[in-house]
Structures are given as C-alpha cells and as structure tokens.
Amino acid sequence: MPTARSLETRTPLGFGMTSGVPSPDLKGHIHSSVIVSLLLGLDQFTKAWVSAAMLPGQSIPLVSSILHLTYVQNTGAAFGLFKNQQPVFIGFSLLVIGWILWEICTRVQMGWRLRWANALVLAGAIGNLIDRLCLGYVVDFIDFRVWPVFNVADSAITIGVSCLLIEWWLEQSRHR
C-alpha cells in the first residue's frame, strides 16, 4: 500500500501534491522573499551610500585599527582573486541563483534553517550580480584590516553557505 510520502510529488512552483490535494508552502515562500528583499535592499543601500560618500581607495576609521570603511571597486572574487573575469563571475552567479530558486520552488517543505541559508546566499548572489552588471565591479567597504574588504552581500553568502554546510553535516549525522 502506498504511503503518504510516496504519493507526494513536486511541481515546478513548489506546490506539493499529496493524494491530489495541493499543499503550498506559501508562508515559507513569503518568508524567503522577505529575507531576500531586506538583505538585497540593505546591500544595495550601503553600496550606494559608500559610492556617493567616498572616493575609491578612501578609508575612514570607525574603530581605530579594528574597523574601517574602505571603498574598494573589486573586479575579482573574494580576496581580489581572478581580477577582471566578469563573464565568469556573472555566469557563476546566474547558476547559483538558478539553483537556489529551483531548490526553493521545488521543495514541498523546507525547514527554517535551510530556507534562511538559501535566502542569504540568494540575496548575496543577486546583490553582487547587480553590481557586476551595472558597474563592472563589486563595491566592497567593510574593512577589519586583518581580512579582505567585503560587503553586506559577501557576508550574507558566507553565513548562508556556512549554514548550508552545517545543515548538510547535521543531515549526514542523522543517517549514521
């Protein structure tokens, strides 16, 4: 006899079908959309503010020797690696964005940690993609002096990927 799980299927818009009855995770999609929108807005606002208020290369100490605002026009990836490879970064960003949208839209149910992690990576990828497409570089400005200069989108991606790895590790631990 089929179980409820075996009757469940996925549809392209993220609506599950159990015994022919749709079960949308509309609340989860709304939460993801809000997270992405807020982070993307914060990212683009801070980058626009830094670009308008500072000159490239300018640095303003906020906490002496610890935290500075330093305006960097980054044409590379993290740590300034692979400078001037915009088509590669744009292509990779589009793949990541597509994959995350696919995950969000095709999973019938997604736990809040996984939903948050995906939303963080999605917001960060979109934020940096907007910079690359509109400016030809990514605006970085958070400078701890012991780490490369970064931005809100980079922070979201780093936290999101870390959460995805933790979630994967927890899932692996449950199956042992």
N, C-alpha and C. Protein backbone atom coordinates (compact mmCIF):
# COMPACT_ATOMS: atom_id res chain seq x y z
N MET A 1 0.84 -1.18 0.00
CA MET A 1 0.00 0.00 0.00
C MET A 1 0.89 1.25 0.00
N PRO A 2 0.60 2.23 -0.85
CA PRO A 2 1.44 3.43 -0.90
C PRO A 2 1.31 4.26 0.36
N THR A 3 2.42 4.84 0.76
CA THR A 3 2.41 5.73 1.93
C THR A 3 2.11 7.15 1.47
N ALA A 4 1.80 8.01 2.43
CA ALA A 4 1.55 9.42 2.10
C ALA A 4 2.77 10.03 1.45
N ARG A 5 3.95 9.62 1.89
CA ARG A 5 5.21 10.15 1.33
C ARG A 5 5.35 9.76 -0.14
N SER A 6 4.98 8.51 -0.48
CA SER A 6 5.15 8.07 -1.87
C SER A 6 4.13 8.72 -2.78
N LEU A 7 3.01 9.24 -2.24
CA LEU A 7 2.02 9.93 -3.05
C LEU A 7 2.39 11.39 -3.30
N GLU A 8 3.37 11.87 -2.56
CA GLU A 8 3.78 13.26 -2.67
C GLU A 8 4.64 13.46 -3.91
N THR A 9 4.37 14.50 -4.67
CA THR A 9 5.18 14.83 -5.84
C THR A 9 5.51 16.31 -5.77
N ARG A 10 6.44 16.71 -6.60
CA ARG A 10 6.82 18.11 -6.68
C ARG A 10 6.33 18.69 -7.99
N THR A 11 5.95 19.96 -7.94
CA THR A 11 5.60 20.68 -9.15
C THR A 11 6.58 21.83 -9.28
N PRO A 12 6.72 22.40 -10.46
CA PRO A 12 7.73 23.44 -10.67
C PRO A 12 7.59 24.68 -9.80
N LEU A 13 6.43 24.98 -9.28
CA LEU A 13 6.27 26.18 -8.47
C LEU A 13 6.34 25.91 -6.98
N GLY A 14 6.75 24.72 -6.58
CA GLY A 14 6.95 24.44 -5.17
C GLY A 14 5.69 24.00 -4.45
N PHE A 15 4.68 23.62 -5.17
CA PHE A 15 3.46 23.15 -4.55
C PHE A 15 3.46 21.64 -4.56
N GLY A 16 3.35 21.04 -3.39
CA GLY A 16 3.34 19.60 -3.29
C GLY A 16 1.95 19.06 -3.53
N MET A 17 1.86 17.83 -3.97
CA MET A 17 0.57 17.19 -4.17
C MET A 17 0.56 15.92 -3.34
N THR A 18 -0.29 15.88 -2.36
CA THR A 18 -0.46 14.68 -1.56
C THR A 18 -1.88 14.21 -1.77
N SER A 19 -2.02 13.04 -2.33
CA SER A 19 -3.35 12.49 -2.63
C SER A 19 -4.16 13.45 -3.49
N GLY A 20 -3.49 14.16 -4.40
CA GLY A 20 -4.19 15.05 -5.33
C GLY A 20 -4.56 16.40 -4.74
N VAL A 21 -4.19 16.68 -3.49
CA VAL A 21 -4.53 17.96 -2.85
C VAL A 21 -3.26 18.81 -2.76
N PRO A 22 -3.27 20.00 -3.37
CA PRO A 22 -2.07 20.84 -3.29
C PRO A 22 -1.80 21.29 -1.86
N SER A 23 -0.50 21.32 -1.52
CA SER A 23 -0.12 21.80 -0.18
C SER A 23 1.01 22.81 -0.32
N PRO A 24 0.67 24.06 -0.68
CA PRO A 24 1.71 25.05 -0.91
C PRO A 24 2.39 25.45 0.39
N ASP A 25 3.66 25.72 0.29
CA ASP A 25 4.41 26.25 1.43
C ASP A 25 4.48 27.76 1.25
N LEU A 26 3.31 28.37 1.10
CA LEU A 26 3.22 29.79 0.81
C LEU A 26 3.87 30.63 1.89
N LYS A 27 3.67 30.26 3.15
CA LYS A 27 4.27 31.01 4.26
C LYS A 27 5.79 30.98 4.15
N GLY A 28 6.35 29.82 3.81
CA GLY A 28 7.79 29.70 3.64
C GLY A 28 8.31 30.54 2.49
N HIS A 29 7.56 30.56 1.37
CA HIS A 29 7.97 31.37 0.22
C HIS A 29 7.93 32.86 0.57
N ILE A 30 6.94 33.26 1.34
CA ILE A 30 6.84 34.67 1.75
C ILE A 30 8.01 35.03 2.66
N HIS A 31 8.33 34.15 3.61
CA HIS A 31 9.48 34.40 4.50
C HIS A 31 10.76 34.54 3.69
N SER A 32 10.99 33.63 2.75
CA SER A 32 12.19 33.70 1.90
C SER A 32 12.23 35.01 1.13
N SER A 33 11.10 35.40 0.57
CA SER A 33 11.04 36.64 -0.21
C SER A 33 11.34 37.86 0.64
N VAL A 34 10.83 37.87 1.87
CA VAL A 34 11.08 39.00 2.77
C VAL A 34 12.56 39.07 3.14
N ILE A 35 13.15 37.92 3.47
CA ILE A 35 14.58 37.88 3.82
C ILE A 35 15.43 38.39 2.66
N VAL A 36 15.16 37.86 1.47
CA VAL A 36 15.93 38.26 0.29
C VAL A 36 15.75 39.76 0.03
N SER A 37 14.53 40.24 0.08
CA SER A 37 14.26 41.66 -0.19
C SER A 37 14.96 42.58 0.80
N LEU A 38 14.86 42.25 2.09
CA LEU A 38 15.50 43.10 3.10
C LEU A 38 17.02 43.11 2.95
N LEU A 39 17.62 41.94 2.78
CA LEU A 39 19.08 41.89 2.63
C LEU A 39 19.54 42.57 1.34
N LEU A 40 18.83 42.34 0.27
CA LEU A 40 19.18 42.96 -1.00
C LEU A 40 19.06 44.48 -0.90
N GLY A 41 18.01 44.96 -0.25
CA GLY A 41 17.85 46.40 -0.05
C GLY A 41 18.97 46.98 0.79
N LEU A 42 19.31 46.30 1.90
CA LEU A 42 20.40 46.77 2.75
C LEU A 42 21.73 46.78 1.99
N ASP A 43 21.97 45.72 1.22
CA ASP A 43 23.21 45.63 0.45
C ASP A 43 23.31 46.77 -0.56
N GLN A 44 22.27 46.97 -1.34
CA GLN A 44 22.32 48.00 -2.38
C GLN A 44 22.35 49.41 -1.77
N PHE A 45 21.63 49.62 -0.66
CA PHE A 45 21.66 50.92 0.00
C PHE A 45 23.06 51.24 0.51
N THR A 46 23.69 50.30 1.20
CA THR A 46 25.02 50.57 1.76
C THR A 46 26.05 50.79 0.66
N LYS A 47 25.96 50.03 -0.41
CA LYS A 47 26.90 50.22 -1.53
C LYS A 47 26.70 51.57 -2.19
N ALA A 48 25.45 51.98 -2.38
CA ALA A 48 25.16 53.29 -2.99
C ALA A 48 25.65 54.41 -2.09
N TRP A 49 25.45 54.26 -0.79
CA TRP A 49 25.89 55.29 0.16
C TRP A 49 27.41 55.44 0.13
N VAL A 50 28.13 54.30 0.18
CA VAL A 50 29.59 54.35 0.16
C VAL A 50 30.07 54.96 -1.15
N SER A 51 29.48 54.56 -2.27
CA SER A 51 29.89 55.08 -3.59
C SER A 51 29.67 56.59 -3.69
N ALA A 52 28.60 57.08 -3.07
CA ALA A 52 28.30 58.51 -3.14
C ALA A 52 29.12 59.32 -2.14
N ALA A 53 29.45 58.74 -1.00
CA ALA A 53 30.10 59.49 0.07
C ALA A 53 31.62 59.41 0.05
N MET A 54 32.18 58.44 -0.67
CA MET A 54 33.62 58.21 -0.60
C MET A 54 34.23 58.13 -2.00
N LEU A 55 35.53 58.30 -2.06
CA LEU A 55 36.28 58.11 -3.29
C LEU A 55 36.91 56.71 -3.27
N PRO A 56 37.06 56.08 -4.43
CA PRO A 56 37.72 54.76 -4.44
C PRO A 56 39.08 54.83 -3.74
N GLY A 57 39.30 53.87 -2.85
CA GLY A 57 40.54 53.81 -2.09
C GLY A 57 40.50 54.57 -0.78
N GLN A 58 39.52 55.44 -0.60
CA GLN A 58 39.41 56.21 0.63
C GLN A 58 39.04 55.29 1.79
N SER A 59 39.61 55.57 2.95
CA SER A 59 39.34 54.76 4.13
C SER A 59 39.05 55.67 5.31
N ILE A 60 37.99 55.33 6.04
CA ILE A 60 37.60 56.11 7.22
C ILE A 60 37.60 55.17 8.41
N PRO A 61 38.43 55.45 9.43
CA PRO A 61 38.43 54.60 10.62
C PRO A 61 37.15 54.79 11.43
N LEU A 62 36.51 53.71 11.77
CA LEU A 62 35.35 53.75 12.67
C LEU A 62 35.76 53.37 14.08
N VAL A 63 36.57 52.32 14.17
CA VAL A 63 37.18 51.89 15.43
C VAL A 63 38.66 51.73 15.09
N SER A 64 39.48 52.65 15.57
CA SER A 64 40.88 52.71 15.20
C SER A 64 41.57 51.36 15.21
N SER A 65 42.23 51.03 14.13
CA SER A 65 43.00 49.79 13.94
C SER A 65 42.15 48.52 13.95
N ILE A 66 40.83 48.66 14.02
CA ILE A 66 39.97 47.48 14.04
C ILE A 66 38.99 47.47 12.87
N LEU A 67 38.19 48.54 12.75
CA LEU A 67 37.15 48.59 11.73
C LEU A 67 37.21 49.91 10.98
N HIS A 68 37.31 49.80 9.66
CA HIS A 68 37.35 50.96 8.79
C HIS A 68 36.30 50.79 7.70
N LEU A 69 35.83 51.91 7.17
CA LEU A 69 35.08 51.90 5.92
C LEU A 69 36.11 52.22 4.85
N THR A 70 36.31 51.28 3.95
CA THR A 70 37.30 51.46 2.88
C THR A 70 36.61 51.13 1.56
N TYR A 71 36.52 52.12 0.67
CA TYR A 71 35.82 51.96 -0.60
C TYR A 71 36.74 51.27 -1.61
N VAL A 72 36.35 50.04 -1.99
CA VAL A 72 37.11 49.26 -2.97
C VAL A 72 36.19 48.89 -4.12
N GLN A 73 36.67 49.07 -5.34
CA GLN A 73 35.95 48.62 -6.53
C GLN A 73 36.58 47.30 -6.95
N ASN A 74 35.97 46.19 -6.54
CA ASN A 74 36.54 44.86 -6.71
C ASN A 74 36.09 44.24 -8.04
N THR A 75 37.03 44.04 -8.95
CA THR A 75 36.72 43.39 -10.23
C THR A 75 37.00 41.89 -10.17
N GLY A 76 37.38 41.42 -8.98
CA GLY A 76 37.69 40.00 -8.83
C GLY A 76 36.69 39.32 -7.92
N ALA A 77 37.14 38.22 -7.33
CA ALA A 77 36.31 37.46 -6.40
C ALA A 77 36.81 37.74 -4.98
N ALA A 78 36.48 36.86 -4.06
CA ALA A 78 36.96 37.00 -2.69
C ALA A 78 38.48 37.12 -2.68
N PHE A 79 38.97 37.95 -1.79
CA PHE A 79 40.41 38.20 -1.64
C PHE A 79 41.01 38.86 -2.89
N GLY A 80 40.16 39.39 -3.79
CA GLY A 80 40.65 40.03 -5.00
C GLY A 80 41.20 39.05 -6.02
N LEU A 81 40.89 37.77 -5.86
CA LEU A 81 41.37 36.76 -6.80
C LEU A 81 40.65 36.86 -8.14
N PHE A 82 41.32 36.45 -9.20
CA PHE A 82 40.73 36.36 -10.55
C PHE A 82 40.17 37.69 -11.03
N LYS A 83 40.97 38.74 -10.92
CA LYS A 83 40.54 40.07 -11.35
C LYS A 83 40.15 40.09 -12.82
N ASN A 84 39.15 40.92 -13.11
CA ASN A 84 38.68 41.18 -14.47
C ASN A 84 38.14 39.95 -15.19
N GLN A 85 37.52 39.07 -14.47
CA GLN A 85 36.88 37.88 -15.05
C GLN A 85 35.37 37.99 -14.95
N GLN A 86 34.81 39.17 -15.26
CA GLN A 86 33.39 39.44 -15.08
C GLN A 86 32.48 38.40 -15.73
N PRO A 87 32.73 37.98 -16.98
CA PRO A 87 31.82 36.99 -17.59
C PRO A 87 31.75 35.68 -16.78
N VAL A 88 32.87 35.27 -16.22
CA VAL A 88 32.89 34.05 -15.40
C VAL A 88 32.06 34.25 -14.13
N PHE A 89 32.26 35.38 -13.45
CA PHE A 89 31.52 35.65 -12.22
C PHE A 89 30.03 35.82 -12.48
N ILE A 90 29.69 36.48 -13.57
CA ILE A 90 28.27 36.66 -13.92
C ILE A 90 27.63 35.31 -14.21
N GLY A 91 28.31 34.47 -14.99
CA GLY A 91 27.79 33.13 -15.29
C GLY A 91 27.63 32.29 -14.04
N PHE A 92 28.64 32.31 -13.18
CA PHE A 92 28.57 31.53 -11.94
C PHE A 92 27.43 32.04 -11.05
N SER A 93 27.29 33.36 -10.95
CA SER A 93 26.21 33.95 -10.14
C SER A 93 24.85 33.51 -10.66
N LEU A 94 24.67 33.53 -11.98
CA LEU A 94 23.40 33.10 -12.57
C LEU A 94 23.12 31.63 -12.27
N LEU A 95 24.15 30.79 -12.32
CA LEU A 95 23.97 29.38 -11.99
C LEU A 95 23.55 29.20 -10.53
N VAL A 96 24.22 29.89 -9.63
CA VAL A 96 23.89 29.79 -8.20
C VAL A 96 22.47 30.29 -7.95
N ILE A 97 22.12 31.43 -8.53
CA ILE A 97 20.78 31.99 -8.35
C ILE A 97 19.73 31.02 -8.89
N GLY A 98 19.98 30.47 -10.07
CA GLY A 98 19.04 29.50 -10.65
C GLY A 98 18.89 28.26 -9.79
N TRP A 99 20.01 27.74 -9.29
CA TRP A 99 19.96 26.54 -8.45
C TRP A 99 19.18 26.80 -7.17
N ILE A 100 19.42 27.93 -6.52
CA ILE A 100 18.72 28.22 -5.26
C ILE A 100 17.23 28.44 -5.52
N LEU A 101 16.88 29.16 -6.58
CA LEU A 101 15.47 29.34 -6.90
C LEU A 101 14.80 27.99 -7.17
N TRP A 102 15.50 27.11 -7.87
CA TRP A 102 14.98 25.77 -8.12
C TRP A 102 14.74 25.03 -6.80
N GLU A 103 15.70 25.09 -5.90
CA GLU A 103 15.56 24.44 -4.60
C GLU A 103 14.38 25.00 -3.82
N ILE A 104 14.28 26.32 -3.77
CA ILE A 104 13.20 26.95 -3.01
C ILE A 104 11.83 26.62 -3.62
N CYS A 105 11.76 26.61 -4.95
CA CYS A 105 10.47 26.42 -5.62
C CYS A 105 10.05 24.97 -5.74
N THR A 106 10.98 24.03 -5.72
CA THR A 106 10.59 22.64 -5.93
C THR A 106 10.50 21.82 -4.66
N ARG A 107 11.02 22.32 -3.58
CA ARG A 107 10.89 21.57 -2.32
C ARG A 107 9.51 21.82 -1.74
N VAL A 108 8.82 20.73 -1.44
CA VAL A 108 7.49 20.85 -0.87
C VAL A 108 7.57 21.48 0.51
N GLN A 109 8.45 21.00 1.33
CA GLN A 109 8.67 21.55 2.67
C GLN A 109 10.16 21.78 2.84
N MET A 110 10.48 22.87 3.49
CA MET A 110 11.87 23.19 3.74
C MET A 110 11.95 23.75 5.16
N GLY A 111 12.83 23.20 5.97
CA GLY A 111 13.00 23.70 7.33
C GLY A 111 13.46 25.14 7.33
N TRP A 112 13.22 25.83 8.44
CA TRP A 112 13.53 27.24 8.51
C TRP A 112 15.02 27.51 8.36
N ARG A 113 15.88 26.62 8.89
CA ARG A 113 17.34 26.85 8.77
C ARG A 113 17.77 26.78 7.32
N LEU A 114 17.26 25.80 6.60
CA LEU A 114 17.60 25.65 5.18
C LEU A 114 17.02 26.81 4.37
N ARG A 115 15.81 27.22 4.71
CA ARG A 115 15.18 28.34 4.00
C ARG A 115 15.99 29.63 4.21
N TRP A 116 16.40 29.89 5.46
CA TRP A 116 17.21 31.07 5.75
C TRP A 116 18.55 31.01 5.02
N ALA A 117 19.20 29.85 5.06
CA ALA A 117 20.50 29.70 4.41
C ALA A 117 20.39 29.99 2.92
N ASN A 118 19.40 29.40 2.27
CA ASN A 118 19.20 29.63 0.84
C ASN A 118 18.88 31.09 0.55
N ALA A 119 18.06 31.71 1.39
CA ALA A 119 17.71 33.12 1.19
C ALA A 119 18.94 34.02 1.34
N LEU A 120 19.80 33.72 2.30
CA LEU A 120 21.02 34.51 2.48
C LEU A 120 21.92 34.43 1.25
N VAL A 121 22.15 33.22 0.76
CA VAL A 121 23.01 33.05 -0.41
C VAL A 121 22.37 33.72 -1.63
N LEU A 122 21.06 33.55 -1.79
CA LEU A 122 20.37 34.15 -2.92
C LEU A 122 20.48 35.67 -2.90
N ALA A 123 20.22 36.28 -1.76
CA ALA A 123 20.31 37.74 -1.65
C ALA A 123 21.72 38.23 -1.96
N GLY A 124 22.72 37.56 -1.41
CA GLY A 124 24.10 37.97 -1.65
C GLY A 124 24.50 37.81 -3.11
N ALA A 125 24.11 36.71 -3.71
CA ALA A 125 24.45 36.48 -5.12
C ALA A 125 23.79 37.52 -6.02
N ILE A 126 22.53 37.84 -5.74
CA ILE A 126 21.84 38.85 -6.54
C ILE A 126 22.47 40.23 -6.32
N GLY A 127 22.79 40.56 -5.08
CA GLY A 127 23.40 41.86 -4.78
C GLY A 127 24.71 42.08 -5.52
N ASN A 128 25.59 41.10 -5.48
CA ASN A 128 26.86 41.25 -6.19
C ASN A 128 26.69 41.17 -7.70
N LEU A 129 25.71 40.39 -8.17
CA LEU A 129 25.44 40.33 -9.61
C LEU A 129 24.97 41.69 -10.13
N ILE A 130 24.11 42.36 -9.37
CA ILE A 130 23.66 43.69 -9.77
C ILE A 130 24.85 44.62 -9.95
N ASP A 131 25.80 44.59 -9.01
CA ASP A 131 27.00 45.43 -9.12
C ASP A 131 27.78 45.09 -10.39
N ARG A 132 28.01 43.81 -10.61
CA ARG A 132 28.81 43.40 -11.77
C ARG A 132 28.15 43.83 -13.08
N LEU A 133 26.83 43.68 -13.16
CA LEU A 133 26.13 44.03 -14.39
C LEU A 133 26.03 45.54 -14.59
N CYS A 134 25.79 46.28 -13.51
CA CYS A 134 25.59 47.73 -13.63
C CYS A 134 26.88 48.54 -13.57
N LEU A 135 27.85 48.08 -12.80
CA LEU A 135 29.07 48.86 -12.58
C LEU A 135 30.32 48.25 -13.20
N GLY A 136 30.31 46.93 -13.41
CA GLY A 136 31.51 46.25 -13.90
C GLY A 136 32.45 45.84 -12.78
N TYR A 137 32.05 46.07 -11.54
CA TYR A 137 32.83 45.70 -10.36
C TYR A 137 31.86 45.60 -9.18
N VAL A 138 32.34 45.04 -8.08
CA VAL A 138 31.55 44.95 -6.86
C VAL A 138 32.07 45.98 -5.86
N VAL A 139 31.17 46.71 -5.24
CA VAL A 139 31.54 47.70 -4.24
C VAL A 139 31.75 46.97 -2.91
N ASP A 140 32.96 47.04 -2.38
CA ASP A 140 33.30 46.49 -1.07
C ASP A 140 33.67 47.65 -0.16
N PHE A 141 33.40 47.52 1.15
CA PHE A 141 33.67 48.65 2.04
C PHE A 141 33.90 48.28 3.51
N ILE A 142 33.56 47.08 3.94
CA ILE A 142 33.75 46.70 5.34
C ILE A 142 35.18 46.17 5.48
N ASP A 143 35.97 46.83 6.30
CA ASP A 143 37.40 46.56 6.37
C ASP A 143 37.83 46.36 7.83
N PHE A 144 38.12 45.11 8.18
CA PHE A 144 38.60 44.81 9.53
C PHE A 144 40.12 44.82 9.63
N ARG A 145 40.79 45.15 8.54
CA ARG A 145 42.24 45.30 8.50
C ARG A 145 43.02 43.98 8.62
N VAL A 146 42.37 42.89 8.96
CA VAL A 146 43.04 41.59 9.03
C VAL A 146 42.40 40.62 8.03
N TRP A 147 41.44 41.12 7.28
CA TRP A 147 40.68 40.32 6.34
C TRP A 147 40.43 41.18 5.12
N PRO A 148 40.27 40.60 3.94
CA PRO A 148 39.97 41.44 2.77
C PRO A 148 38.67 42.24 2.95
N VAL A 149 38.60 43.37 2.30
CA VAL A 149 37.43 44.24 2.36
C VAL A 149 36.25 43.51 1.73
N PHE A 150 35.07 43.63 2.34
CA PHE A 150 33.88 42.91 1.85
C PHE A 150 32.65 43.79 2.00
N ASN A 151 31.47 43.24 1.71
CA ASN A 151 30.23 44.00 1.77
C ASN A 151 29.12 43.16 2.39
N VAL A 152 27.91 43.71 2.45
CA VAL A 152 26.77 43.00 3.04
C VAL A 152 26.46 41.72 2.26
N ALA A 153 26.51 41.77 0.94
CA ALA A 153 26.22 40.59 0.12
C ALA A 153 27.23 39.48 0.40
N ASP A 154 28.50 39.83 0.51
CA ASP A 154 29.54 38.84 0.83
C ASP A 154 29.27 38.19 2.18
N SER A 155 28.85 39.01 3.15
CA SER A 155 28.53 38.48 4.48
C SER A 155 27.37 37.50 4.41
N ALA A 156 26.33 37.87 3.66
CA ALA A 156 25.16 37.00 3.52
C ALA A 156 25.54 35.67 2.88
N ILE A 157 26.36 35.72 1.83
CA ILE A 157 26.80 34.49 1.16
C ILE A 157 27.60 33.62 2.12
N THR A 158 28.54 34.22 2.82
CA THR A 158 29.38 33.46 3.75
C THR A 158 28.56 32.80 4.85
N ILE A 159 27.66 33.55 5.45
CA ILE A 159 26.82 32.99 6.51
C ILE A 159 25.89 31.92 5.94
N GLY A 160 25.29 32.20 4.78
CA GLY A 160 24.39 31.23 4.16
C GLY A 160 25.07 29.93 3.79
N VAL A 161 26.24 30.00 3.17
CA VAL A 161 26.98 28.79 2.81
C VAL A 161 27.39 28.03 4.06
N SER A 162 27.82 28.75 5.09
CA SER A 162 28.18 28.09 6.36
C SER A 162 26.97 27.34 6.93
N CYS A 163 25.81 27.98 6.91
CA CYS A 163 24.59 27.33 7.41
C CYS A 163 24.22 26.11 6.55
N LEU A 164 24.39 26.21 5.23
CA LEU A 164 24.11 25.06 4.36
C LEU A 164 25.04 23.90 4.69
N LEU A 165 26.31 24.20 4.93
CA LEU A 165 27.26 23.14 5.29
C LEU A 165 26.91 22.51 6.63
N ILE A 166 26.52 23.32 7.59
CA ILE A 166 26.11 22.79 8.90
C ILE A 166 24.87 21.92 8.74
N GLU A 167 23.91 22.39 7.96
CA GLU A 167 22.69 21.62 7.73
C GLU A 167 23.02 20.29 7.05
N TRP A 168 23.92 20.30 6.07
CA TRP A 168 24.35 19.06 5.39
C TRP A 168 25.01 18.13 6.40
N TRP A 169 25.88 18.67 7.26
CA TRP A 169 26.57 17.85 8.26
C TRP A 169 25.56 17.24 9.24
N LEU A 170 24.59 18.03 9.67
CA LEU A 170 23.56 17.50 10.58
C LEU A 170 22.76 16.38 9.92
N GLU A 171 22.44 16.57 8.66
CA GLU A 171 21.70 15.54 7.90
C GLU A 171 22.52 14.26 7.79
N GLN A 172 23.81 14.40 7.53
CA GLN A 172 24.69 13.23 7.45
C GLN A 172 24.78 12.53 8.79
N SER A 173 24.81 13.30 9.87
CA SER A 173 24.89 12.73 11.22
C SER A 173 23.64 11.94 11.57
N ARG A 174 22.48 12.41 11.11
CA ARG A 174 21.22 11.71 11.39
C ARG A 174 21.15 10.36 10.70
N HIS A 175 21.85 10.23 9.58
CA HIS A 175 21.79 8.98 8.81
C HIS A 175 22.86 7.96 9.23
N ARG A 176 23.64 8.29 10.21
CA ARG A 176 24.70 7.35 10.67
C ARG A 176 24.22 6.48 11.77
